């Protein structure tokens, strides 16, 4: 899941970015309202976390402009303004939820999950499957043939990206944009490294290989054999 954070207080931005990245989210952070608009419309984000008090354009204006442009990405608004009218103004501008500062990272994570569900990412079953491989997106548990598999946060995110698009070839850029921020996914081999790690943990020791390379294109998760996907 890729998130855009628009927050001008650098300490808060660093706190939020670090807390969400530790949970496996891909984070881009900008610090003005105008950059928030520019970044939001130029890349595919799953969620926008938007502060209200911003330089250049305030968060309410950013939110309205994005909605007027037809952007339906869920928006979680951060605000130091706690009156009912302030919160109503944020929702009326097009925000999906709000969180009052100061907040604990656990509360932010809960709001992120809730807004994502309402946005449609997890309206179906929280369990993703391919053959005997299973992922629970609520508990982040992964197993194959009933045996638990321990994955690092980014390994989990890459696998989730593949499982949400079973039997579909995903390019390195599509995987990278979902899992990493703008700076990281442009590194040429970062996706390949994580795919290699996943193959070792997911496929090693099994005759049925699930993670396949489509030469010159990208990767897919499938029960087809390698002769069909090479």
C-alpha atoms as a PDB file:
ATOM      1  CA  UNK A   1       0.000   0.000   0.000  1.00  0.00           C
ATOM      2  CA  UNK A   2       1.433   3.362  -1.059  1.00  0.00           C
ATOM      3  CA  UNK A   3       0.649   6.485   0.979  1.00  0.00           C
ATOM      4  CA  UNK A   4       1.260  10.182   0.360  1.00  0.00           C
ATOM      5  CA  UNK A   5       1.835  12.240   3.517  1.00  0.00           C
ATOM      6  CA  UNK A   6       1.342  16.015   3.275  1.00  0.00           C
ATOM      7  CA  UNK A   7       2.620  17.546   6.528  1.00  0.00           C
ATOM      8  CA  UNK A   8       4.717  20.676   7.041  1.00  0.00           C
ATOM      9  CA  UNK A   9       5.862  19.968  10.613  1.00  0.00           C
ATOM     10  CA  UNK A  10       9.024  18.017   9.909  1.00  0.00           C
ATOM     11  CA  UNK A  11       9.146  16.178  13.253  1.00  0.00           C
ATOM     12  CA  UNK A  12       5.566  14.986  12.878  1.00  0.00           C
ATOM     13  CA  UNK A  13       6.204  14.020   9.253  1.00  0.00           C
ATOM     14  CA  UNK A  14       9.263  11.973  10.250  1.00  0.00           C
ATOM     15  CA  UNK A  15       7.339  10.324  13.114  1.00  0.00           C
ATOM     16  CA  UNK A  16       4.427   9.333  10.876  1.00  0.00           C
ATOM     17  CA  UNK A  17       6.631   8.239   7.980  1.00  0.00           C
ATOM     18  CA  UNK A  18       8.819   6.059  10.188  1.00  0.00           C
ATOM     19  CA  UNK A  19       5.859   4.516  12.022  1.00  0.00           C
ATOM     20  CA  UNK A  20       4.042   3.551   8.829  1.00  0.00           C
ATOM     21  CA  UNK A  21       7.160   2.335   7.025  1.00  0.00           C
ATOM     22  CA  UNK A  22       7.861   0.003   9.958  1.00  0.00           C
ATOM     23  CA  UNK A  23       4.480  -1.588   9.226  1.00  0.00           C
ATOM     24  CA  UNK A  24       5.376  -2.144   5.580  1.00  0.00           C
ATOM     25  CA  UNK A  25       3.661   0.860   3.985  1.00  0.00           C
ATOM     26  CA  UNK A  26       5.403   2.711   1.153  1.00  0.00           C
ATOM     27  CA  UNK A  27       5.607   6.394   2.053  1.00  0.00           C
ATOM     28  CA  UNK A  28       6.197   9.601   0.106  1.00  0.00           C
ATOM     29  CA  UNK A  29       6.197  12.832   2.125  1.00  0.00           C
ATOM     30  CA  UNK A  30       5.869  16.451   0.969  1.00  0.00           C
ATOM     31  CA  UNK A  31       5.575  19.586   3.051  1.00  0.00           C
ATOM     32  CA  UNK A  32       3.394  22.127   1.228  1.00  0.00           C
ATOM     33  CA  UNK A  33      -0.173  22.083  -0.005  1.00  0.00           C
ATOM     34  CA  UNK A  34       0.811  22.790  -3.597  1.00  0.00           C
ATOM     35  CA  UNK A  35       3.264  19.875  -3.658  1.00  0.00           C
ATOM     36  CA  UNK A  36       0.547  17.745  -2.112  1.00  0.00           C
ATOM     37  CA  UNK A  37      -1.738  18.423  -5.073  1.00  0.00           C
ATOM     38  CA  UNK A  38       1.055  17.910  -7.603  1.00  0.00           C
ATOM     39  CA  UNK A  39       2.197  14.575  -6.134  1.00  0.00           C
ATOM     40  CA  UNK A  40      -1.337  13.275  -5.551  1.00  0.00           C
ATOM     41  CA  UNK A  41      -2.311  13.684  -9.199  1.00  0.00           C
ATOM     42  CA  UNK A  42       0.978  12.441 -10.632  1.00  0.00           C
ATOM     43  CA  UNK A  43       1.178   8.998  -8.983  1.00  0.00           C
ATOM     44  CA  UNK A  44      -1.190   6.220  -7.939  1.00  0.00           C
ATOM     45  CA  UNK A  45      -1.613   6.398  -4.159  1.00  0.00           C
ATOM     46  CA  UNK A  46      -3.832   4.152  -2.055  1.00  0.00           C
ATOM     47  CA  UNK A  47      -4.263   6.792   0.668  1.00  0.00           C
ATOM     48  CA  UNK A  48      -3.425  10.455   1.317  1.00  0.00           C
ATOM     49  CA  UNK A  49      -2.709  11.673   4.862  1.00  0.00           C
ATOM     50  CA  UNK A  50      -3.284  15.420   4.767  1.00  0.00           C
ATOM     51  CA  UNK A  51      -2.590  18.070   7.394  1.00  0.00           C
ATOM     52  CA  UNK A  52      -4.945  21.074   7.471  1.00  0.00           C
ATOM     53  CA  UNK A  53      -2.472  23.832   8.376  1.00  0.00           C
ATOM     54  CA  UNK A  54      -0.112  23.892   5.396  1.00  0.00           C
ATOM     55  CA  UNK A  55       1.875  26.591   3.566  1.00  0.00           C
ATOM     56  CA  UNK A  56       0.878  27.673   0.033  1.00  0.00           C
ATOM     57  CA  UNK A  57      -2.470  25.841   0.121  1.00  0.00           C
ATOM     58  CA  UNK A  58      -4.236  24.725   3.306  1.00  0.00           C
ATOM     59  CA  UNK A  59      -5.437  21.149   3.619  1.00  0.00           C
ATOM     60  CA  UNK A  60      -9.105  21.978   3.050  1.00  0.00           C
ATOM     61  CA  UNK A  61      -8.247  23.671  -0.238  1.00  0.00           C
ATOM     62  CA  UNK A  62      -6.024  20.750  -1.250  1.00  0.00           C
ATOM     63  CA  UNK A  63      -8.803  18.293  -0.471  1.00  0.00           C
ATOM     64  CA  UNK A  64     -11.399  20.253  -2.443  1.00  0.00           C
ATOM     65  CA  UNK A  65      -9.069  20.658  -5.418  1.00  0.00           C
ATOM     66  CA  UNK A  66      -8.290  16.942  -5.545  1.00  0.00           C
ATOM     67  CA  UNK A  67     -11.981  16.033  -5.412  1.00  0.00           C
ATOM     68  CA  UNK A  68     -12.799  18.622  -8.091  1.00  0.00           C
ATOM     69  CA  UNK A  69     -10.169  16.991 -10.294  1.00  0.00           C
ATOM     70  CA  UNK A  70     -11.986  13.678  -9.896  1.00  0.00           C
ATOM     71  CA  UNK A  71      -9.430  12.035  -7.596  1.00  0.00           C
ATOM     72  CA  UNK A  72     -11.193   9.468  -5.408  1.00  0.00           C
ATOM     73  CA  UNK A  73      -8.185   8.366  -3.347  1.00  0.00           C
ATOM     74  CA  UNK A  74      -9.174   8.076   0.343  1.00  0.00           C
ATOM     75  CA  UNK A  75      -8.023  11.078   2.399  1.00  0.00           C
ATOM     76  CA  UNK A  76      -7.279  10.983   6.126  1.00  0.00           C
ATOM     77  CA  UNK A  77      -7.033  14.528   7.459  1.00  0.00           C
ATOM     78  CA  UNK A  78      -4.771  15.506  10.359  1.00  0.00           C
ATOM     79  CA  UNK A  79      -5.782  18.528  12.392  1.00  0.00           C
ATOM     80  CA  UNK A  80      -4.929  20.379  15.590  1.00  0.00           C
ATOM     81  CA  UNK A  81      -8.456  21.857  15.422  1.00  0.00           C
ATOM     82  CA  UNK A  82     -10.782  19.749  17.515  1.00  0.00           C
ATOM     83  CA  UNK A  83     -14.137  21.545  17.422  1.00  0.00           C
ATOM     84  CA  UNK A  84     -17.100  19.820  15.779  1.00  0.00           C
ATOM     85  CA  UNK A  85     -17.331  22.574  13.137  1.00  0.00           C
ATOM     86  CA  UNK A  86     -13.665  22.115  12.204  1.00  0.00           C
ATOM     87  CA  UNK A  87     -14.137  18.393  11.753  1.00  0.00           C
ATOM     88  CA  UNK A  88     -17.313  18.874   9.742  1.00  0.00           C
ATOM     89  CA  UNK A  89     -15.483  21.311   7.460  1.00  0.00           C
ATOM     90  CA  UNK A  90     -12.866  18.669   6.747  1.00  0.00           C
ATOM     91  CA  UNK A  91     -15.451  16.020   5.900  1.00  0.00           C
ATOM     92  CA  UNK A  92     -17.425  18.486   3.781  1.00  0.00           C
ATOM     93  CA  UNK A  93     -14.249  19.264   1.814  1.00  0.00           C
ATOM     94  CA  UNK A  94     -14.101  15.612   0.787  1.00  0.00           C
ATOM     95  CA  UNK A  95     -12.012  13.926   3.494  1.00  0.00           C
ATOM     96  CA  UNK A  96     -12.936  10.360   4.443  1.00  0.00           C
ATOM     97  CA  UNK A  97     -11.819  10.603   8.081  1.00  0.00           C
ATOM     98  CA  UNK A  98      -9.893  12.865  10.427  1.00  0.00           C
ATOM     99  CA  UNK A  99      -7.480  12.470  13.310  1.00  0.00           C
ATOM    100  CA  UNK A 100      -6.858  15.156  15.929  1.00  0.00           C
ATOM    101  CA  UNK A 101      -3.286  15.979  16.979  1.00  0.00           C
ATOM    102  CA  UNK A 102      -1.558  14.834  19.093  1.00  0.00           C
ATOM    103  CA  UNK A 103      -2.129  11.165  18.311  1.00  0.00           C
ATOM    104  CA  UNK A 104      -0.446   7.814  18.959  1.00  0.00           C
ATOM    105  CA  UNK A 105       0.924   5.898  15.999  1.00  0.00           C
ATOM    106  CA  UNK A 106      -1.310   2.933  16.940  1.00  0.00           C
ATOM    107  CA  UNK A 107      -4.375   5.126  16.507  1.00  0.00           C
ATOM    108  CA  UNK A 108      -3.114   6.402  13.165  1.00  0.00           C
ATOM    109  CA  UNK A 109      -2.542   2.828  11.977  1.00  0.00           C
ATOM    110  CA  UNK A 110      -6.083   1.889  12.987  1.00  0.00           C
ATOM    111  CA  UNK A 111      -7.490   4.866  11.053  1.00  0.00           C
ATOM    112  CA  UNK A 112      -5.377   3.963   8.018  1.00  0.00           C
ATOM    113  CA  UNK A 113      -6.767   0.420   8.048  1.00  0.00           C
ATOM    114  CA  UNK A 114     -10.330   1.671   8.507  1.00  0.00           C
ATOM    115  CA  UNK A 115     -10.135   4.238   5.704  1.00  0.00           C
ATOM    116  CA  UNK A 116      -8.553   1.642   3.402  1.00  0.00           C
ATOM    117  CA  UNK A 117     -11.397  -0.784   4.036  1.00  0.00           C
ATOM    118  CA  UNK A 118     -13.983   1.883   3.313  1.00  0.00           C
ATOM    119  CA  UNK A 119     -12.038   2.746   0.150  1.00  0.00           C
ATOM    120  CA  UNK A 120     -12.578  -0.790  -1.083  1.00  0.00           C
ATOM    121  CA  UNK A 121      -9.132  -2.319  -0.641  1.00  0.00           C
ATOM    122  CA  UNK A 122     -10.322  -4.959   1.802  1.00  0.00           C
ATOM    123  CA  UNK A 123     -14.059  -5.213   1.216  1.00  0.00           C
ATOM    124  CA  UNK A 124     -13.662  -8.864   0.270  1.00  0.00           C
ATOM    125  CA  UNK A 125     -12.201 -11.669   2.362  1.00  0.00           C
ATOM    126  CA  UNK A 126      -9.068 -10.775   4.328  1.00  0.00           C
ATOM    127  CA  UNK A 127      -7.591 -14.092   3.213  1.00  0.00           C
ATOM    128  CA  UNK A 128      -5.647 -14.250  -0.041  1.00  0.00           C
ATOM    129  CA  UNK A 129      -4.793 -17.675  -1.472  1.00  0.00           C
ATOM    130  CA  UNK A 130      -2.864 -19.292  -4.275  1.00  0.00           C
ATOM    131  CA  UNK A 131      -2.854 -23.105  -4.152  1.00  0.00           C
ATOM    132  CA  UNK A 132      -1.606 -24.000  -0.631  1.00  0.00           C
ATOM    133  CA  UNK A 133      -0.176 -20.511   0.005  1.00  0.00           C
ATOM    134  CA  UNK A 134      -2.339 -18.347   2.253  1.00  0.00           C
ATOM    135  CA  UNK A 135      -2.074 -14.751   3.515  1.00  0.00           C
ATOM    136  CA  UNK A 136      -4.260 -13.128   6.179  1.00  0.00           C
ATOM    137  CA  UNK A 137      -4.184  -9.384   5.515  1.00  0.00           C
ATOM    138  CA  UNK A 138      -5.553  -8.549   8.964  1.00  0.00           C
ATOM    139  CA  UNK A 139      -3.038 -10.507  11.008  1.00  0.00           C
ATOM    140  CA  UNK A 140      -0.219 -10.402   8.404  1.00  0.00           C
ATOM    141  CA  UNK A 141       0.267 -14.154   8.835  1.00  0.00           C
ATOM    142  CA  UNK A 142       1.530 -16.133   5.831  1.00  0.00           C
ATOM    143  CA  UNK A 143       1.676 -19.900   5.514  1.00  0.00           C
ATOM    144  CA  UNK A 144       2.237 -22.562   2.895  1.00  0.00           C
ATOM    145  CA  UNK A 145       0.870 -26.074   3.319  1.00  0.00           C
ATOM    146  CA  UNK A 146      -0.059 -25.016   6.846  1.00  0.00           C
ATOM    147  CA  UNK A 147       3.510 -24.076   7.784  1.00  0.00           C
ATOM    148  CA  UNK A 148       4.022 -20.450   8.947  1.00  0.00           C
ATOM    149  CA  UNK A 149       6.407 -18.327   6.860  1.00  0.00           C
ATOM    150  CA  UNK A 150       8.219 -15.390   8.425  1.00  0.00           C
ATOM    151  CA  UNK A 151       8.486 -12.418   6.065  1.00  0.00           C
ATOM    152  CA  UNK A 152      10.072  -8.999   6.468  1.00  0.00           C
ATOM    153  CA  UNK A 153       7.685  -6.068   6.013  1.00  0.00           C
ATOM    154  CA  UNK A 154       8.660  -5.354   2.397  1.00  0.00           C
ATOM    155  CA  UNK A 155       8.700  -9.042   1.480  1.00  0.00           C
ATOM    156  CA  UNK A 156       5.130  -9.233   2.783  1.00  0.00           C
ATOM    157  CA  UNK A 157       4.127  -6.175   0.744  1.00  0.00           C
ATOM    158  CA  UNK A 158       5.579  -7.596  -2.480  1.00  0.00           C
ATOM    159  CA  UNK A 159       3.810 -10.910  -1.914  1.00  0.00           C
ATOM    160  CA  UNK A 160       0.528  -9.124  -1.138  1.00  0.00           C
ATOM    161  CA  UNK A 161       0.875  -7.143  -4.366  1.00  0.00           C
ATOM    162  CA  UNK A 162       1.212 -10.389  -6.337  1.00  0.00           C
ATOM    163  CA  UNK A 163      -1.614 -12.172  -4.500  1.00  0.00           C
ATOM    164  CA  UNK A 164      -4.037  -9.312  -5.079  1.00  0.00           C
ATOM    165  CA  UNK A 165      -3.517  -9.783  -8.833  1.00  0.00           C
ATOM    166  CA  UNK A 166      -3.363 -13.600  -9.216  1.00  0.00           C
ATOM    167  CA  UNK A 167      -2.462 -14.922 -12.658  1.00  0.00           C
ATOM    168  CA  UNK A 168      -1.684 -11.380 -13.821  1.00  0.00           C
ATOM    169  CA  UNK A 169       1.772 -10.322 -14.978  1.00  0.00           C
ATOM    170  CA  UNK A 170       2.991  -7.297 -13.010  1.00  0.00           C
ATOM    171  CA  UNK A 171       5.905  -5.209 -14.224  1.00  0.00           C
ATOM    172  CA  UNK A 172       8.739  -4.252 -11.924  1.00  0.00           C
ATOM    173  CA  UNK A 173       7.446  -0.670 -11.963  1.00  0.00           C
ATOM    174  CA  UNK A 174       3.928  -1.746 -10.961  1.00  0.00           C
ATOM    175  CA  UNK A 175       5.296  -3.723  -8.027  1.00  0.00           C
ATOM    176  CA  UNK A 176       7.759  -0.988  -7.100  1.00  0.00           C
ATOM    177  CA  UNK A 177       5.131   1.769  -7.121  1.00  0.00           C
ATOM    178  CA  UNK A 178       2.917  -0.258  -4.793  1.00  0.00           C
ATOM    179  CA  UNK A 179       5.624  -1.191  -2.291  1.00  0.00           C
ATOM    180  CA  UNK A 180       8.276   1.531  -2.239  1.00  0.00           C
ATOM    181  CA  UNK A 181       8.375   5.299  -2.266  1.00  0.00           C
ATOM    182  CA  UNK A 182       9.372   7.299  -5.338  1.00  0.00           C
ATOM    183  CA  UNK A 183      13.096   7.376  -4.525  1.00  0.00           C
ATOM    184  CA  UNK A 184      13.541   3.679  -3.816  1.00  0.00           C
ATOM    185  CA  UNK A 185      11.606   1.941  -6.570  1.00  0.00           C
ATOM    186  CA  UNK A 186      13.700   3.680  -9.223  1.00  0.00           C
ATOM    187  CA  UNK A 187      16.657   1.595  -8.094  1.00  0.00           C
ATOM    188  CA  UNK A 188      16.936  -0.907 -10.912  1.00  0.00           C
ATOM    189  CA  UNK A 189      17.159  -4.217  -9.030  1.00  0.00           C
ATOM    190  CA  UNK A 190      15.300  -3.682  -5.747  1.00  0.00           C
ATOM    191  CA  UNK A 191      12.212  -5.622  -6.931  1.00  0.00           C
ATOM    192  CA  UNK A 192      14.377  -8.477  -8.225  1.00  0.00           C
ATOM    193  CA  UNK A 193      16.129  -8.772  -4.853  1.00  0.00           C
ATOM    194  CA  UNK A 194      12.858  -9.116  -2.970  1.00  0.00           C
ATOM    195  CA  UNK A 195      11.400 -11.558  -5.490  1.00  0.00           C
ATOM    196  CA  UNK A 196      14.504 -13.702  -5.027  1.00  0.00           C
ATOM    197  CA  UNK A 197      14.007 -13.628  -1.244  1.00  0.00           C
ATOM    198  CA  UNK A 198      10.348 -14.579  -1.635  1.00  0.00           C
ATOM    199  CA  UNK A 199      11.171 -17.493  -3.928  1.00  0.00           C
ATOM    200  CA  UNK A 200      13.540 -18.864  -1.312  1.00  0.00           C
ATOM    201  CA  UNK A 201      10.905 -18.605   1.441  1.00  0.00           C
ATOM    202  CA  UNK A 202       7.779 -19.482  -0.559  1.00  0.00           C
ATOM    203  CA  UNK A 203       8.850 -21.955  -3.250  1.00  0.00           C
ATOM    204  CA  UNK A 204      12.006 -23.640  -1.999  1.00  0.00           C
ATOM    205  CA  UNK A 205      11.291 -27.279  -1.137  1.00  0.00           C
ATOM    206  CA  UNK A 206       8.017 -27.409  -3.084  1.00  0.00           C
ATOM    207  CA  UNK A 207       7.611 -29.078  -6.473  1.00  0.00           C
ATOM    208  CA  UNK A 208       4.877 -26.586  -7.395  1.00  0.00           C
ATOM    209  CA  UNK A 209       6.515 -23.198  -7.912  1.00  0.00           C
ATOM    210  CA  UNK A 210       4.157 -20.230  -7.502  1.00  0.00           C
ATOM    211  CA  UNK A 211       6.317 -17.170  -8.267  1.00  0.00           C
ATOM    212  CA  UNK A 212       7.272 -16.913 -11.924  1.00  0.00           C
ATOM    213  CA  UNK A 213       9.422 -14.613 -14.033  1.00  0.00           C
ATOM    214  CA  UNK A 214       7.996 -13.397 -17.332  1.00  0.00           C
ATOM    215  CA  UNK A 215      11.128 -12.628 -19.274  1.00  0.00           C
ATOM    216  CA  UNK A 216      11.399  -8.996 -20.324  1.00  0.00           C
ATOM    217  CA  UNK A 217       8.160  -8.065 -18.536  1.00  0.00           C
ATOM    218  CA  UNK A 218       7.956  -8.812 -14.824  1.00  0.00           C
ATOM    219  CA  UNK A 219       6.511 -11.370 -12.423  1.00  0.00           C
ATOM    220  CA  UNK A 220       3.312 -13.201 -11.620  1.00  0.00           C
ATOM    221  CA  UNK A 221       2.001 -15.620  -9.029  1.00  0.00           C
ATOM    222  CA  UNK A 222       0.408 -18.649 -10.652  1.00  0.00           C
ATOM    223  CA  UNK A 223       0.006 -22.428 -10.500  1.00  0.00           C
ATOM    224  CA  UNK A 224       1.156 -22.714 -14.106  1.00  0.00           C
ATOM    225  CA  UNK A 225       4.497 -24.404 -14.670  1.00  0.00           C
ATOM    226  CA  UNK A 226       7.602 -22.510 -15.721  1.00  0.00           C
ATOM    227  CA  UNK A 227       7.412 -23.795 -19.295  1.00  0.00           C
ATOM    228  CA  UNK A 228       4.105 -21.966 -19.706  1.00  0.00           C
ATOM    229  CA  UNK A 229       5.358 -18.691 -18.199  1.00  0.00           C
ATOM    230  CA  UNK A 230       8.929 -18.463 -19.486  1.00  0.00           C
END
